[in-house]
Amino acid sequence: MDNEIEKYLFDVLESIDIIEKHLSYTTNYDAFSKNLLVQDAVQRRLAIIGEALWKVSKLTPLSSITDLQKIVSFLHILIHDYDKIETATIWVILTKKLSLLKKETENTLKQSDGFTIN
C-alpha cells in the first residue's frame, strides 16, 4: 500500500480515537446535545475523516469501506451546508457507524504489505 494512502488511513483512525475520547465525557445524547465544545471537536474530526477518505478514494478504489460515498458527502455537508446538520444525526453516526468504520479501516491497513496495527 502506498505510504500516502496509509497516512490518510492513519488519520482516520486517529480521528476516531480522538472522537472516542471526547465521547467519554458525554456518554449519552442529552449530554452530547448540551456540550457545544464536544460537538465542535467531534465535527472537526468527522471532517478530517471525510477529507482523508476522499483523498484515499482519489488515489485508489476503496471498496473495503462501507458507505464511503456517504462519508465523503457528509464532509461536504459539514463544510458547505453546516446549517443543515442536526445534532441527532451526528449522534447516530457516532453511536451506530463509527465503530464499523474503525474496524474496516484497521482491516484495510492490516491487508497492506507487512503492516500491523498495535
PDB file of N, CA and C in Angstrom:
ATOM      1  N   MET A   1       0.849  -1.181   0.000  1.00  0.00           N
ATOM      2  CA  MET A   1       0.000   0.000   0.000  1.00  0.00           C
ATOM      3  C   MET A   1       0.888   1.236   0.000  1.00  0.00           C
ATOM      4  N   ASP A   2       0.504   2.191  -0.743  1.00  0.00           N
ATOM      5  CA  ASP A   2       1.213   3.454  -0.868  1.00  0.00           C
ATOM      6  C   ASP A   2       1.283   4.168   0.495  1.00  0.00           C
ATOM      7  N   ASN A   3       2.435   4.782   0.785  1.00  0.00           N
ATOM      8  CA  ASN A   3       2.621   5.486   2.066  1.00  0.00           C
ATOM      9  C   ASN A   3       1.611   6.606   2.269  1.00  0.00           C
ATOM     10  N   GLU A   4       1.251   7.296   1.193  1.00  0.00           N
ATOM     11  CA  GLU A   4       0.293   8.389   1.302  1.00  0.00           C
ATOM     12  C   GLU A   4      -1.087   7.860   1.711  1.00  0.00           C
ATOM     13  N   ILE A   5      -1.474   6.731   1.137  1.00  0.00           N
ATOM     14  CA  ILE A   5      -2.757   6.109   1.488  1.00  0.00           C
ATOM     15  C   ILE A   5      -2.740   5.684   2.951  1.00  0.00           C
ATOM     16  N   GLU A   6      -1.657   5.053   3.372  1.00  0.00           N
ATOM     17  CA  GLU A   6      -1.533   4.645   4.772  1.00  0.00           C
ATOM     18  C   GLU A   6      -1.647   5.843   5.704  1.00  0.00           C
ATOM     19  N   LYS A   7      -1.016   6.951   5.335  1.00  0.00           N
ATOM     20  CA  LYS A   7      -1.059   8.155   6.164  1.00  0.00           C
ATOM     21  C   LYS A   7      -2.496   8.625   6.338  1.00  0.00           C
ATOM     22  N   TYR A   8      -3.262   8.660   5.254  1.00  0.00           N
ATOM     23  CA  TYR A   8      -4.654   9.098   5.345  1.00  0.00           C
ATOM     24  C   TYR A   8      -5.489   8.134   6.179  1.00  0.00           C
ATOM     25  N   LEU A   9      -5.243   6.839   6.038  1.00  0.00           N
ATOM     26  CA  LEU A   9      -5.986   5.866   6.833  1.00  0.00           C
ATOM     27  C   LEU A   9      -5.622   5.978   8.315  1.00  0.00           C
ATOM     28  N   PHE A  10      -4.360   6.269   8.599  1.00  0.00           N
ATOM     29  CA  PHE A  10      -3.968   6.539   9.988  1.00  0.00           C
ATOM     30  C   PHE A  10      -4.678   7.785  10.523  1.00  0.00           C
ATOM     31  N   ASP A  11      -4.836   8.798   9.674  1.00  0.00           N
ATOM     32  CA  ASP A  11      -5.562   9.999  10.089  1.00  0.00           C
ATOM     33  C   ASP A  11      -7.000   9.659  10.465  1.00  0.00           C
ATOM     34  N   VAL A  12      -7.619   8.758   9.707  1.00  0.00           N
ATOM     35  CA  VAL A  12      -8.982   8.309  10.026  1.00  0.00           C
ATOM     36  C   VAL A  12      -9.002   7.664  11.403  1.00  0.00           C
ATOM     37  N   LEU A  13      -8.082   6.737  11.635  1.00  0.00           N
ATOM     38  CA  LEU A  13      -8.044   6.038  12.927  1.00  0.00           C
ATOM     39  C   LEU A  13      -7.740   6.992  14.078  1.00  0.00           C
ATOM     40  N   GLU A  14      -6.824   7.910  13.865  1.00  0.00           N
ATOM     41  CA  GLU A  14      -6.506   8.883  14.910  1.00  0.00           C
ATOM     42  C   GLU A  14      -7.730   9.736  15.242  1.00  0.00           C
ATOM     43  N   SER A  15      -8.455  10.158  14.218  1.00  0.00           N
ATOM     44  CA  SER A  15      -9.648  10.970  14.456  1.00  0.00           C
ATOM     45  C   SER A  15     -10.724  10.181  15.193  1.00  0.00           C
ATOM     46  N   ILE A  16     -10.874   8.911  14.846  1.00  0.00           N
ATOM     47  CA  ILE A  16     -11.848   8.077  15.563  1.00  0.00           C
ATOM     48  C   ILE A  16     -11.441   7.936  17.024  1.00  0.00           C
ATOM     49  N   ASP A  17     -10.160   7.716  17.286  1.00  0.00           N
ATOM     50  CA  ASP A  17      -9.693   7.612  18.671  1.00  0.00           C
ATOM     51  C   ASP A  17      -9.964   8.898  19.452  1.00  0.00           C
ATOM     52  N   ILE A  18      -9.738  10.029  18.824  1.00  0.00           N
ATOM     53  CA  ILE A  18      -9.984  11.308  19.484  1.00  0.00           C
ATOM     54  C   ILE A  18     -11.473  11.502  19.743  1.00  0.00           C
ATOM     55  N   ILE A  19     -12.307  11.137  18.775  1.00  0.00           N
ATOM     56  CA  ILE A  19     -13.756  11.216  18.971  1.00  0.00           C
ATOM     57  C   ILE A  19     -14.168  10.348  20.152  1.00  0.00           C
ATOM     58  N   GLU A  20     -13.632   9.137  20.221  1.00  0.00           N
ATOM     59  CA  GLU A  20     -13.969   8.244  21.331  1.00  0.00           C
ATOM     60  C   GLU A  20     -13.579   8.872  22.672  1.00  0.00           C
ATOM     61  N   LYS A  21     -12.452   9.554  22.728  1.00  0.00           N
ATOM     62  CA  LYS A  21     -12.056  10.240  23.962  1.00  0.00           C
ATOM     63  C   LYS A  21     -13.021  11.368  24.298  1.00  0.00           C
ATOM     64  N   HIS A  22     -13.421  12.140  23.291  1.00  0.00           N
ATOM     65  CA  HIS A  22     -14.395  13.210  23.524  1.00  0.00           C
ATOM     66  C   HIS A  22     -15.712  12.642  24.048  1.00  0.00           C
ATOM     67  N   LEU A  23     -16.110  11.516  23.508  1.00  0.00           N
ATOM     68  CA  LEU A  23     -17.391  10.931  23.908  1.00  0.00           C
ATOM     69  C   LEU A  23     -17.350  10.344  25.316  1.00  0.00           C
ATOM     70  N   SER A  24     -16.173  10.109  25.835  1.00  0.00           N
ATOM     71  CA  SER A  24     -16.093   9.607  27.207  1.00  0.00           C
ATOM     72  C   SER A  24     -16.611  10.645  28.209  1.00  0.00           C
ATOM     73  N   TYR A  25     -16.662  11.911  27.793  1.00  0.00           N
ATOM     74  CA  TYR A  25     -17.186  12.981  28.641  1.00  0.00           C
ATOM     75  C   TYR A  25     -18.685  13.195  28.436  1.00  0.00           C
ATOM     76  N   THR A  26     -19.208  12.669  27.347  1.00  0.00           N
ATOM     77  CA  THR A  26     -20.626  12.827  27.028  1.00  0.00           C
ATOM     78  C   THR A  26     -21.163  11.467  26.596  1.00  0.00           C
ATOM     79  N   THR A  27     -21.570  10.666  27.560  1.00  0.00           N
ATOM     80  CA  THR A  27     -21.900   9.268  27.289  1.00  0.00           C
ATOM     81  C   THR A  27     -23.338   9.033  26.839  1.00  0.00           C
ATOM     82  N   ASN A  28     -24.120  10.096  26.738  1.00  0.00           N
ATOM     83  CA  ASN A  28     -25.485   9.929  26.229  1.00  0.00           C
ATOM     84  C   ASN A  28     -25.841  11.135  25.371  1.00  0.00           C
ATOM     85  N   TYR A  29     -26.928  10.990  24.634  1.00  0.00           N
ATOM     86  CA  TYR A  29     -27.320  12.046  23.699  1.00  0.00           C
ATOM     87  C   TYR A  29     -27.600  13.377  24.407  1.00  0.00           C
ATOM     88  N   ASP A  30     -28.265  13.323  25.529  1.00  0.00           N
ATOM     89  CA  ASP A  30     -28.603  14.554  26.236  1.00  0.00           C
ATOM     90  C   ASP A  30     -27.344  15.340  26.598  1.00  0.00           C
ATOM     91  N   ALA A  31     -26.366  14.652  27.139  1.00  0.00           N
ATOM     92  CA  ALA A  31     -25.106  15.316  27.494  1.00  0.00           C
ATOM     93  C   ALA A  31     -24.400  15.838  26.248  1.00  0.00           C
ATOM     94  N   PHE A  32     -24.389  15.038  25.190  1.00  0.00           N
ATOM     95  CA  PHE A  32     -23.758  15.458  23.940  1.00  0.00           C
ATOM     96  C   PHE A  32     -24.444  16.692  23.361  1.00  0.00           C
ATOM     97  N   SER A  33     -25.769  16.684  23.349  1.00  0.00           N
ATOM     98  CA  SER A  33     -26.510  17.792  22.740  1.00  0.00           C
ATOM     99  C   SER A  33     -26.324  19.109  23.494  1.00  0.00           C
ATOM    100  N   LYS A  34     -25.941  19.039  24.749  1.00  0.00           N
ATOM    101  CA  LYS A  34     -25.741  20.248  25.560  1.00  0.00           C
ATOM    102  C   LYS A  34     -24.287  20.726  25.570  1.00  0.00           C
ATOM    103  N   ASN A  35     -23.376  19.923  25.036  1.00  0.00           N
ATOM    104  CA  ASN A  35     -21.959  20.249  25.105  1.00  0.00           C
ATOM    105  C   ASN A  35     -21.449  20.709  23.735  1.00  0.00           C
ATOM    106  N   LEU A  36     -21.519  22.015  23.500  1.00  0.00           N
ATOM    107  CA  LEU A  36     -21.114  22.562  22.202  1.00  0.00           C
ATOM    108  C   LEU A  36     -19.626  22.382  21.933  1.00  0.00           C
ATOM    109  N   LEU A  37     -18.824  22.403  22.964  1.00  0.00           N
ATOM    110  CA  LEU A  37     -17.386  22.206  22.789  1.00  0.00           C
ATOM    111  C   LEU A  37     -17.100  20.815  22.219  1.00  0.00           C
ATOM    112  N   VAL A  38     -17.720  19.801  22.774  1.00  0.00           N
ATOM    113  CA  VAL A  38     -17.533  18.440  22.275  1.00  0.00           C
ATOM    114  C   VAL A  38     -18.127  18.308  20.881  1.00  0.00           C
ATOM    115  N   GLN A  39     -19.288  18.889  20.646  1.00  0.00           N
ATOM    116  CA  GLN A  39     -19.892  18.827  19.316  1.00  0.00           C
ATOM    117  C   GLN A  39     -18.957  19.420  18.258  1.00  0.00           C
ATOM    118  N   ASP A  40     -18.403  20.583  18.560  1.00  0.00           N
ATOM    119  CA  ASP A  40     -17.480  21.221  17.616  1.00  0.00           C
ATOM    120  C   ASP A  40     -16.251  20.361  17.366  1.00  0.00           C
ATOM    121  N   ALA A  41     -15.687  19.809  18.420  1.00  0.00           N
ATOM    122  CA  ALA A  41     -14.497  18.971  18.284  1.00  0.00           C
ATOM    123  C   ALA A  41     -14.796  17.719  17.469  1.00  0.00           C
ATOM    124  N   VAL A  42     -15.928  17.105  17.732  1.00  0.00           N
ATOM    125  CA  VAL A  42     -16.321  15.895  17.008  1.00  0.00           C
ATOM    126  C   VAL A  42     -16.564  16.207  15.535  1.00  0.00           C
ATOM    127  N   GLN A  43     -17.242  17.315  15.260  1.00  0.00           N
ATOM    128  CA  GLN A  43     -17.494  17.676  13.862  1.00  0.00           C
ATOM    129  C   GLN A  43     -16.197  17.936  13.116  1.00  0.00           C
ATOM    130  N   ARG A  44     -15.233  18.534  13.776  1.00  0.00           N
ATOM    131  CA  ARG A  44     -13.923  18.757  13.139  1.00  0.00           C
ATOM    132  C   ARG A  44     -13.284  17.430  12.781  1.00  0.00           C
ATOM    133  N   ARG A  45     -13.344  16.467  13.683  1.00  0.00           N
ATOM    134  CA  ARG A  45     -12.758  15.155  13.431  1.00  0.00           C
ATOM    135  C   ARG A  45     -13.520  14.389  12.353  1.00  0.00           C
ATOM    136  N   LEU A  46     -14.832  14.553  12.310  1.00  0.00           N
ATOM    137  CA  LEU A  46     -15.611  13.927  11.233  1.00  0.00           C
ATOM    138  C   LEU A  46     -15.229  14.523   9.880  1.00  0.00           C
ATOM    139  N   ALA A  47     -14.943  15.811   9.863  1.00  0.00           N
ATOM    140  CA  ALA A  47     -14.493  16.451   8.622  1.00  0.00           C
ATOM    141  C   ALA A  47     -13.131  15.906   8.192  1.00  0.00           C
ATOM    142  N   ILE A  48     -12.242  15.701   9.134  1.00  0.00           N
ATOM    143  CA  ILE A  48     -10.927  15.130   8.815  1.00  0.00           C
ATOM    144  C   ILE A  48     -11.096  13.724   8.255  1.00  0.00           C
ATOM    145  N   ILE A  49     -11.968  12.933   8.860  1.00  0.00           N
ATOM    146  CA  ILE A  49     -12.225  11.579   8.372  1.00  0.00           C
ATOM    147  C   ILE A  49     -12.737  11.631   6.934  1.00  0.00           C
ATOM    148  N   GLY A  50     -13.710  12.488   6.674  1.00  0.00           N
ATOM    149  CA  GLY A  50     -14.258  12.602   5.325  1.00  0.00           C
ATOM    150  C   GLY A  50     -13.221  13.040   4.316  1.00  0.00           C
ATOM    151  N   GLU A  51     -12.411  14.016   4.685  1.00  0.00           N
ATOM    152  CA  GLU A  51     -11.363  14.507   3.776  1.00  0.00           C
ATOM    153  C   GLU A  51     -10.314  13.430   3.508  1.00  0.00           C
ATOM    154  N   ALA A  52      -9.897  12.737   4.553  1.00  0.00           N
ATOM    155  CA  ALA A  52      -8.894  11.687   4.378  1.00  0.00           C
ATOM    156  C   ALA A  52      -9.411  10.583   3.461  1.00  0.00           C
ATOM    157  N   LEU A  53     -10.651  10.168   3.667  1.00  0.00           N
ATOM    158  CA  LEU A  53     -11.210   9.110   2.826  1.00  0.00           C
ATOM    159  C   LEU A  53     -11.454   9.592   1.407  1.00  0.00           C
ATOM    160  N   TRP A  54     -11.798  10.857   1.244  1.00  0.00           N
ATOM    161  CA  TRP A  54     -11.934  11.419  -0.101  1.00  0.00           C
ATOM    162  C   TRP A  54     -10.594  11.381  -0.829  1.00  0.00           C
ATOM    163  N   LYS A  55      -9.516  11.759  -0.116  1.00  0.00           N
ATOM    164  CA  LYS A  55      -8.187  11.742  -0.730  1.00  0.00           C
ATOM    165  C   LYS A  55      -7.759  10.323  -1.085  1.00  0.00           C
ATOM    166  N   VAL A  56      -8.050   9.374  -0.202  1.00  0.00           N
ATOM    167  CA  VAL A  56      -7.719   7.976  -0.498  1.00  0.00           C
ATOM    168  C   VAL A  56      -8.487   7.506  -1.729  1.00  0.00           C
ATOM    169  N   SER A  57      -9.763   7.852  -1.802  1.00  0.00           N
ATOM    170  CA  SER A  57     -10.583   7.398  -2.930  1.00  0.00           C
ATOM    171  C   SER A  57     -10.097   7.966  -4.261  1.00  0.00           C
ATOM    172  N   LYS A  58      -9.393   9.090  -4.220  1.00  0.00           N
ATOM    173  CA  LYS A  58      -8.811   9.662  -5.436  1.00  0.00           C
ATOM    174  C   LYS A  58      -7.546   8.906  -5.858  1.00  0.00           C
ATOM    175  N   LEU A  59      -6.913   8.236  -4.908  1.00  0.00           N
ATOM    176  CA  LEU A  59      -5.671   7.523  -5.177  1.00  0.00           C
ATOM    177  C   LEU A  59      -5.884   6.053  -5.546  1.00  0.00           C
ATOM    178  N   THR A  60      -6.940   5.455  -4.994  1.00  0.00           N
ATOM    179  CA  THR A  60      -7.181   4.030  -5.210  1.00  0.00           C
ATOM    180  C   THR A  60      -8.649   3.699  -4.945  1.00  0.00           C
ATOM    181  N   PRO A  61      -9.172   2.683  -5.608  1.00  0.00           N
ATOM    182  CA  PRO A  61     -10.523   2.238  -5.250  1.00  0.00           C
ATOM    183  C   PRO A  61     -10.501   1.693  -3.817  1.00  0.00           C
ATOM    184  N   LEU A  62     -11.508   2.006  -3.059  1.00  0.00           N
ATOM    185  CA  LEU A  62     -11.532   1.612  -1.650  1.00  0.00           C
ATOM    186  C   LEU A  62     -12.868   0.947  -1.348  1.00  0.00           C
ATOM    187  N   SER A  63     -13.021  -0.262  -1.829  1.00  0.00           N
ATOM    188  CA  SER A  63     -14.289  -0.978  -1.662  1.00  0.00           C
ATOM    189  C   SER A  63     -14.446  -1.555  -0.262  1.00  0.00           C
ATOM    190  N   SER A  64     -13.404  -1.506   0.544  1.00  0.00           N
ATOM    191  CA  SER A  64     -13.450  -2.099   1.883  1.00  0.00           C
ATOM    192  C   SER A  64     -14.139  -1.202   2.919  1.00  0.00           C
ATOM    193  N   ILE A  65     -14.479   0.017   2.543  1.00  0.00           N
ATOM    194  CA  ILE A  65     -15.125   0.952   3.469  1.00  0.00           C
ATOM    195  C   ILE A  65     -16.599   1.076   3.099  1.00  0.00           C
ATOM    196  N   THR A  66     -17.464   0.624   3.998  1.00  0.00           N
ATOM    197  CA  THR A  66     -18.905   0.718   3.794  1.00  0.00           C
ATOM    198  C   THR A  66     -19.324   2.185   3.753  1.00  0.00           C
ATOM    199  N   ASP A  67     -20.183   2.517   2.825  1.00  0.00           N
ATOM    200  CA  ASP A  67     -20.746   3.872   2.714  1.00  0.00           C
ATOM    201  C   ASP A  67     -19.690   4.950   2.505  1.00  0.00           C
ATOM    202  N   LEU A  68     -18.640   4.612   1.784  1.00  0.00           N
ATOM    203  CA  LEU A  68     -17.575   5.590   1.538  1.00  0.00           C
ATOM    204  C   LEU A  68     -18.133   6.878   0.936  1.00  0.00           C
ATOM    205  N   GLN A  69     -18.976   6.752  -0.063  1.00  0.00           N
ATOM    206  CA  GLN A  69     -19.516   7.948  -0.712  1.00  0.00           C
ATOM    207  C   GLN A  69     -20.363   8.775   0.248  1.00  0.00           C
ATOM    208  N   LYS A  70     -21.106   8.122   1.129  1.00  0.00           N
ATOM    209  CA  LYS A  70     -21.909   8.848   2.118  1.00  0.00           C
ATOM    210  C   LYS A  70     -21.018   9.606   3.095  1.00  0.00           C
ATOM    211  N   ILE A  71     -19.903   8.991   3.462  1.00  0.00           N
ATOM    212  CA  ILE A  71     -18.964   9.642   4.381  1.00  0.00           C
ATOM    213  C   ILE A  71     -18.383  10.894   3.739  1.00  0.00           C
ATOM    214  N   VAL A  72     -17.965  10.767   2.491  1.00  0.00           N
ATOM    215  CA  VAL A  72     -17.404  11.913   1.769  1.00  0.00           C
ATOM    216  C   VAL A  72     -18.475  12.984   1.567  1.00  0.00           C
ATOM    217  N   SER A  73     -19.685  12.579   1.231  1.00  0.00           N
ATOM    218  CA  SER A  73     -20.775  13.545   1.050  1.00  0.00           C
ATOM    219  C   SER A  73     -21.063  14.285   2.350  1.00  0.00           C
ATOM    220  N   PHE A  74     -20.974  13.573   3.459  1.00  0.00           N
ATOM    221  CA  PHE A  74     -21.212  14.203   4.755  1.00  0.00           C
ATOM    222  C   PHE A  74     -20.166  15.278   5.040  1.00  0.00           C
ATOM    223  N   LEU A  75     -18.940  15.044   4.608  1.00  0.00           N
ATOM    224  CA  LEU A  75     -17.890  16.063   4.743  1.00  0.00           C
ATOM    225  C   LEU A  75     -18.337  17.355   4.082  1.00  0.00           C
ATOM    226  N   HIS A  76     -18.856  17.250   2.877  1.00  0.00           N
ATOM    227  CA  HIS A  76     -19.268  18.451   2.157  1.00  0.00           C
ATOM    228  C   HIS A  76     -20.448  19.144   2.844  1.00  0.00           C
ATOM    229  N   ILE A  77     -21.316  18.365   3.457  1.00  0.00           N
ATOM    230  CA  ILE A  77     -22.415  18.963   4.221  1.00  0.00           C
ATOM    231  C   ILE A  77     -21.858  19.695   5.443  1.00  0.00           C
ATOM    232  N   LEU A  78     -20.917  19.063   6.142  1.00  0.00           N
ATOM    233  CA  LEU A  78     -20.301  19.707   7.310  1.00  0.00           C
ATOM    234  C   LEU A  78     -19.665  21.050   6.947  1.00  0.00           C
ATOM    235  N   ILE A  79     -19.012  21.082   5.802  1.00  0.00           N
ATOM    236  CA  ILE A  79     -18.266  22.274   5.404  1.00  0.00           C
ATOM    237  C   ILE A  79     -19.161  23.328   4.749  1.00  0.00           C
ATOM    238  N   HIS A  80     -19.998  22.899   3.816  1.00  0.00           N
ATOM    239  CA  HIS A  80     -20.732  23.854   2.995  1.00  0.00           C
ATOM    240  C   HIS A  80     -22.186  24.070   3.412  1.00  0.00           C
ATOM    241  N   ASP A  81     -22.791  23.080   4.025  1.00  0.00           N
ATOM    242  CA  ASP A  81     -24.191  23.184   4.438  1.00  0.00           C
ATOM    243  C   ASP A  81     -24.321  22.935   5.938  1.00  0.00           C
ATOM    244  N   TYR A  82     -23.405  23.522   6.693  1.00  0.00           N
ATOM    245  CA  TYR A  82     -23.341  23.304   8.137  1.00  0.00           C
ATOM    246  C   TYR A  82     -24.666  23.574   8.837  1.00  0.00           C
ATOM    247  N   ASP A  83     -25.449  24.475   8.287  1.00  0.00           N
ATOM    248  CA  ASP A  83     -26.718  24.838   8.923  1.00  0.00           C
ATOM    249  C   ASP A  83     -27.778  23.741   8.800  1.00  0.00           C
ATOM    250  N   LYS A  84     -27.502  22.716   8.004  1.00  0.00           N
ATOM    251  CA  LYS A  84     -28.437  21.605   7.839  1.00  0.00           C
ATOM    252  C   LYS A  84     -28.107  20.425   8.754  1.00  0.00           C
ATOM    253  N   ILE A  85     -27.007  20.525   9.471  1.00  0.00           N
ATOM    254  CA  ILE A  85     -26.576  19.441  10.352  1.00  0.00           C
ATOM    255  C   ILE A  85     -27.425  19.443  11.621  1.00  0.00           C
ATOM    256  N   GLU A  86     -27.924  18.275  11.948  1.00  0.00           N
ATOM    257  CA  GLU A  86     -28.679  18.126  13.187  1.00  0.00           C
ATOM    258  C   GLU A  86     -27.846  17.318  14.188  1.00  0.00           C
ATOM    259  N   THR A  87     -27.906  17.730  15.421  1.00  0.00           N
ATOM    260  CA  THR A  87     -27.149  17.058  16.469  1.00  0.00           C
ATOM    261  C   THR A  87     -27.510  15.579  16.547  1.00  0.00           C
ATOM    262  N   ALA A  88     -28.773  15.265  16.367  1.00  0.00           N
ATOM    263  CA  ALA A  88     -29.213  13.863  16.422  1.00  0.00           C
ATOM    264  C   ALA A  88     -28.559  13.037  15.321  1.00  0.00           C
ATOM    265  N   THR A  89     -28.364  13.615  14.157  1.00  0.00           N
ATOM    266  CA  THR A  89     -27.700  12.909  13.048  1.00  0.00           C
ATOM    267  C   THR A  89     -26.253  12.600  13.408  1.00  0.00           C
ATOM    268  N   ILE A  90     -25.569  13.576  13.977  1.00  0.00           N
ATOM    269  CA  ILE A  90     -24.185  13.370  14.412  1.00  0.00           C
ATOM    270  C   ILE A  90     -24.134  12.244  15.441  1.00  0.00           C
ATOM    271  N   TRP A  91     -25.058  12.266  16.388  1.00  0.00           N
ATOM    272  CA  TRP A  91     -25.082  11.253  17.434  1.00  0.00           C
ATOM    273  C   TRP A  91     -25.268   9.848  16.848  1.00  0.00           C
ATOM    274  N   VAL A  92     -26.139   9.716  15.877  1.00  0.00           N
ATOM    275  CA  VAL A  92     -26.352   8.413  15.227  1.00  0.00           C
ATOM    276  C   VAL A  92     -25.072   7.946  14.547  1.00  0.00           C
ATOM    277  N   ILE A  93     -24.409   8.849  13.865  1.00  0.00           N
ATOM    278  CA  ILE A  93     -23.137   8.492  13.217  1.00  0.00           C
ATOM    279  C   ILE A  93     -22.141   8.000  14.260  1.00  0.00           C
ATOM    280  N   LEU A  94     -22.048   8.712  15.349  1.00  0.00           N
ATOM    281  CA  LEU A  94     -21.073   8.370  16.387  1.00  0.00           C
ATOM    282  C   LEU A  94     -21.385   7.042  17.062  1.00  0.00           C
ATOM    283  N   THR A  95     -22.649   6.778  17.299  1.00  0.00           N
ATOM    284  CA  THR A  95     -23.018   5.586  18.068  1.00  0.00           C
ATOM    285  C   THR A  95     -23.325   4.371  17.207  1.00  0.00           C
ATOM    286  N   LYS A  96     -23.639   4.575  15.941  1.00  0.00           N
ATOM    287  CA  LYS A  96     -24.054   3.450  15.094  1.00  0.00           C
ATOM    288  C   LYS A  96     -23.099   3.148  13.946  1.00  0.00           C
ATOM    289  N   LYS A  97     -22.292   4.101  13.535  1.00  0.00           N
ATOM    290  CA  LYS A  97     -21.482   3.942  12.318  1.00  0.00           C
ATOM    291  C   LYS A  97     -19.977   3.970  12.552  1.00  0.00           C
ATOM    292  N   LEU A  98     -19.545   4.673  13.575  1.00  0.00           N
ATOM    293  CA  LEU A  98     -18.112   4.918  13.756  1.00  0.00           C
ATOM    294  C   LEU A  98     -17.326   3.645  14.054  1.00  0.00           C
ATOM    295  N   SER A  99     -17.883   2.744  14.839  1.00  0.00           N
ATOM    296  CA  SER A  99     -17.148   1.516  15.171  1.00  0.00           C
ATOM    297  C   SER A  99     -16.915   0.656  13.937  1.00  0.00           C
ATOM    298  N   LEU A 100     -17.884   0.614  13.019  1.00  0.00           N
ATOM    299  CA  LEU A 100     -17.698  -0.142  11.776  1.00  0.00           C
ATOM    300  C   LEU A 100     -16.603   0.489  10.928  1.00  0.00           C
ATOM    301  N   LEU A 101     -16.602   1.799  10.823  1.00  0.00           N
ATOM    302  CA  LEU A 101     -15.558   2.481  10.064  1.00  0.00           C
ATOM    303  C   LEU A 101     -14.190   2.196  10.657  1.00  0.00           C
ATOM    304  N   LYS A 102     -14.087   2.201  11.969  1.00  0.00           N
ATOM    305  CA  LYS A 102     -12.812   1.912  12.623  1.00  0.00           C
ATOM    306  C   LYS A 102     -12.340   0.507  12.268  1.00  0.00           C
ATOM    307  N   LYS A 103     -13.230  -0.460  12.376  1.00  0.00           N
ATOM    308  CA  LYS A 103     -12.880  -1.844  12.077  1.00  0.00           C
ATOM    309  C   LYS A 103     -12.469  -2.006  10.610  1.00  0.00           C
ATOM    310  N   GLU A 104     -13.218  -1.404   9.711  1.00  0.00           N
ATOM    311  CA  GLU A 104     -12.906  -1.522   8.283  1.00  0.00           C
ATOM    312  C   GLU A 104     -11.583  -0.832   7.941  1.00  0.00           C
ATOM    313  N   THR A 105     -11.316   0.294   8.562  1.00  0.00           N
ATOM    314  CA  THR A 105     -10.058   1.000   8.315  1.00  0.00           C
ATOM    315  C   THR A 105      -8.882   0.184   8.847  1.00  0.00           C
ATOM    316  N   GLU A 106      -9.029  -0.370  10.040  1.00  0.00           N
ATOM    317  CA  GLU A 106      -7.973  -1.233  10.589  1.00  0.00           C
ATOM    318  C   GLU A 106      -7.742  -2.437   9.686  1.00  0.00           C
ATOM    319  N   ASN A 107      -8.803  -3.052   9.212  1.00  0.00           N
ATOM    320  CA  ASN A 107      -8.660  -4.212   8.325  1.00  0.00           C
ATOM    321  C   ASN A 107      -7.993  -3.844   7.011  1.00  0.00           C
ATOM    322  N   THR A 108      -8.309  -2.685   6.483  1.00  0.00           N
ATOM    323  CA  THR A 108      -7.682  -2.220   5.248  1.00  0.00           C
ATOM    324  C   THR A 108      -6.183  -2.047   5.459  1.00  0.00           C
ATOM    325  N   LEU A 109      -5.808  -1.474   6.578  1.00  0.00           N
ATOM    326  CA  LEU A 109      -4.386  -1.300   6.873  1.00  0.00           C
ATOM    327  C   LEU A 109      -3.697  -2.647   7.112  1.00  0.00           C
ATOM    328  N   LYS A 110      -4.364  -3.554   7.779  1.00  0.00           N
ATOM    329  CA  LYS A 110      -3.777  -4.871   8.040  1.00  0.00           C
ATOM    330  C   LYS A 110      -3.504  -5.627   6.751  1.00  0.00           C
ATOM    331  N   GLN A 111      -4.308  -5.383   5.740  1.00  0.00           N
ATOM    332  CA  GLN A 111      -4.135  -6.078   4.470  1.00  0.00           C
ATOM    333  C   GLN A 111      -2.968  -5.532   3.641  1.00  0.00           C
ATOM    334  N   SER A 112      -2.447  -4.376   4.061  1.00  0.00           N
ATOM    335  CA  SER A 112      -1.294  -3.841   3.338  1.00  0.00           C
ATOM    336  C   SER A 112      -0.073  -4.673   3.651  1.00  0.00           C
ATOM    337  N   ASP A 113       0.910  -4.641   2.797  1.00  0.00           N
ATOM    338  CA  ASP A 113       2.102  -5.493   2.900  1.00  0.00           C
ATOM    339  C   ASP A 113       2.847  -5.304   4.205  1.00  0.00           C
ATOM    340  N   GLY A 114       2.874  -6.340   5.021  1.00  0.00           N
ATOM    341  CA  GLY A 114       3.693  -6.354   6.215  1.00  0.00           C
ATOM    342  C   GLY A 114       3.294  -5.393   7.291  1.00  0.00           C
ATOM    343  N   PHE A 115       2.103  -4.886   7.258  1.00  0.00           N
ATOM    344  CA  PHE A 115       1.707  -3.866   8.230  1.00  0.00           C
ATOM    345  C   PHE A 115       0.938  -4.495   9.381  1.00  0.00           C
ATOM    346  N   THR A 116       1.232  -4.041  10.598  1.00  0.00           N
ATOM    347  CA  THR A 116       0.461  -4.475  11.756  1.00  0.00           C
ATOM    348  C   THR A 116       0.026  -3.263  12.552  1.00  0.00           C
ATOM    349  N   ILE A 117      -1.152  -3.361  13.155  1.00  0.00           N
ATOM    350  CA  ILE A 117      -1.667  -2.274  13.998  1.00  0.00           C
ATOM    351  C   ILE A 117      -1.445  -2.679  15.442  1.00  0.00           C
ATOM    352  N   ASN A 118      -0.904  -1.754  16.229  1.00  0.00           N
ATOM    353  CA  ASN A 118      -0.671  -2.026  17.656  1.00  0.00           C
ATOM    354  C   ASN A 118      -1.949  -1.913  18.435  1.00  0.00           C
TER     355      ASN A 118
END
